[in-house]
Structure formats: C-alpha cells, structure tokens
Amino acid sequence: MSISMTPAAADRVKSFLDNRGKGIGLRLGLKTSGCSGMAYVLEFVDELNEDDELFEVNGVNIIIDAKSLIYLEGIELDFVKEGLNEGFQFNNPNAKGECGCGESFTV
C-alpha cells in the first residue's frame, strides 16, 4: 500500500495535533457526497477502530478505514497556500473525474 504526504502537509498536521494536545494521527476517509459521488474526510483520531490501517508518513500517523483504502491507494496529501487561500490538496491517482466545484470526485 502506498500513501504519501508532502513535508508541508506533515508539518501542518503535526501543528494541528500539537495545538490540540492529544491524538494519535489523522484519519483520511471518504463519504458519499456532491455531484460526483465521493468526498474526502479528514479528522483527528484518538483511538483506532478495528478495521483501521495505520501508515506512518513523514512522522505522522495516517489512519484509513478498510472501505476507503481501496479508493485511496497511491494518494498523496499536500498542503498548499495560494494567495489568501490555503488547505489540503488530495492527489489521488484513482480519481477519474471531479465535479466543477472540486468538492467531490468519482472513481
């Protein structure tokens, strides 16, 4: 399994976890949403679920549930600043298309 994260994304997640004061890592998952069908979900994890897979990337634990993992194989998580906007960017080789607003994707 290949999950990657840029140094910028790892630094941002570490900063969030430090400010939060607890947590074992970041969950990367999917939910049904938007015009194209799937949307990414990021949330902090305090304890693992039975079906979770844990990946250590650049000093950060990334947790992905088994159902989401098949759609996230090979994904790279990045953190990008463009002008006044900043946020996480998902570079997913499994995505076949995105909706016009960029909120959801299809595989």
Protein backbone atom coordinates (compact mmCIF):
# COMPACT_ATOMS: atom_id res chain seq x y z
CA MET A 1 0.00 0.00 0.00
CA SER A 2 1.26 3.41 -0.92
CA ILE A 3 0.09 6.50 0.94
CA SER A 4 2.24 9.65 0.88
CA MET A 5 2.25 13.12 2.35
CA THR A 6 4.35 16.12 1.44
CA PRO A 7 6.54 17.73 4.12
CA ALA A 8 4.23 20.79 4.06
CA ALA A 9 1.19 18.62 4.83
CA ALA A 10 3.05 16.70 7.54
CA ASP A 11 4.15 19.94 9.22
CA ARG A 12 0.58 21.27 9.16
CA VAL A 13 -0.88 18.06 10.65
CA LYS A 14 1.82 17.98 13.36
CA SER A 15 0.99 21.61 14.20
CA PHE A 16 -2.74 20.82 14.47
CA LEU A 17 -2.07 17.79 16.69
CA ASP A 18 0.30 19.78 18.92
CA ASN A 19 -2.28 22.57 19.31
CA ARG A 20 -5.00 20.02 20.01
CA GLY A 21 -2.88 18.43 22.76
CA LYS A 22 -3.95 14.85 22.04
CA GLY A 23 -4.49 12.41 19.22
CA ILE A 24 -2.61 9.58 17.57
CA GLY A 25 -2.94 10.80 13.99
CA LEU A 26 -5.15 11.94 11.15
CA ARG A 27 -7.96 9.91 9.60
CA LEU A 28 -8.27 10.13 5.84
CA GLY A 29 -11.57 8.74 4.66
CA LEU A 30 -14.41 9.08 2.20
CA LYS A 31 -18.09 9.86 2.37
CA THR A 32 -20.83 9.83 -0.23
CA SER A 33 -21.36 13.44 -1.25
CA GLY A 34 -21.54 16.01 -4.01
CA CYS A 35 -22.32 15.74 -7.67
CA SER A 36 -19.59 13.20 -8.47
CA GLY A 37 -20.23 10.75 -5.65
CA MET A 38 -17.37 10.82 -3.11
CA ALA A 39 -15.75 13.46 -0.93
CA TYR A 40 -12.66 13.34 1.27
CA VAL A 41 -12.95 13.46 5.06
CA LEU A 42 -10.14 14.49 7.41
CA GLU A 43 -10.48 14.13 11.18
CA PHE A 44 -8.26 13.62 14.20
CA VAL A 45 -8.05 10.15 15.71
CA ASP A 46 -7.77 9.44 19.41
CA GLU A 47 -8.14 5.65 19.15
CA LEU A 48 -8.09 3.11 16.33
CA ASN A 49 -11.13 1.21 15.10
CA GLU A 50 -10.99 -2.50 14.38
CA ASP A 51 -10.89 -2.07 10.58
CA ASP A 52 -8.32 0.77 10.50
CA GLU A 53 -5.00 0.60 8.70
CA LEU A 54 -2.21 2.81 10.07
CA PHE A 55 0.50 4.35 7.88
CA GLU A 56 3.41 6.37 9.29
CA VAL A 57 4.36 9.04 6.77
CA ASN A 58 6.89 11.84 7.45
CA GLY A 59 6.42 11.40 11.20
CA VAL A 60 2.60 11.50 11.03
CA ASN A 61 0.20 8.61 11.52
CA ILE A 62 -2.38 8.42 8.72
CA ILE A 63 -5.34 6.19 9.55
CA ILE A 64 -7.60 4.84 6.79
CA ASP A 65 -10.56 2.50 7.22
CA ALA A 66 -10.69 -0.65 5.11
CA LYS A 67 -13.64 0.52 2.96
CA SER A 68 -11.91 3.77 1.98
CA LEU A 69 -8.49 2.21 1.42
CA ILE A 70 -9.31 0.71 -1.98
CA TYR A 71 -10.16 4.19 -3.33
CA LEU A 72 -7.17 5.90 -1.67
CA GLU A 73 -4.34 3.59 -2.72
CA GLY A 74 -1.49 5.77 -4.02
CA ILE A 75 -2.92 9.07 -2.75
CA GLU A 76 -0.66 11.98 -1.84
CA LEU A 77 -1.83 14.52 0.73
CA ASP A 78 -0.41 18.02 0.25
CA PHE A 79 -0.92 21.37 1.97
CA VAL A 80 -1.00 24.32 -0.41
CA LYS A 81 -1.07 28.08 0.08
CA GLU A 82 -2.25 30.14 -2.90
CA GLY A 83 -2.66 33.83 -2.18
CA LEU A 84 -5.09 34.18 0.72
CA ASN A 85 -6.31 30.58 0.36
CA GLU A 86 -4.74 27.58 2.00
CA GLY A 87 -5.79 24.00 2.50
CA PHE A 88 -5.15 20.33 1.99
CA GLN A 89 -4.98 19.03 -1.55
CA PHE A 90 -5.60 15.40 -2.49
CA ASN A 91 -3.63 13.95 -5.40
CA ASN A 92 -5.49 10.69 -5.97
CA PRO A 93 -4.47 8.54 -8.96
CA ASN A 94 -7.76 6.61 -8.63
CA ALA A 95 -9.97 9.66 -9.28
CA LYS A 96 -11.39 9.57 -12.78
CA GLY A 97 -13.13 12.94 -12.57
CA GLU A 98 -14.16 15.78 -10.28
CA CYS A 99 -17.24 17.93 -10.07
CA GLY A 100 -16.97 21.55 -11.23
CA CYS A 101 -16.68 22.97 -7.72
CA GLY A 102 -13.99 20.47 -6.70
CA GLU A 103 -15.94 19.17 -3.68
CA SER A 104 -16.33 15.60 -4.88
CA PHE A 105 -14.81 13.05 -7.25
CA THR A 106 -15.61 9.77 -8.97
CA VAL A 107 -13.55 6.60 -9.44
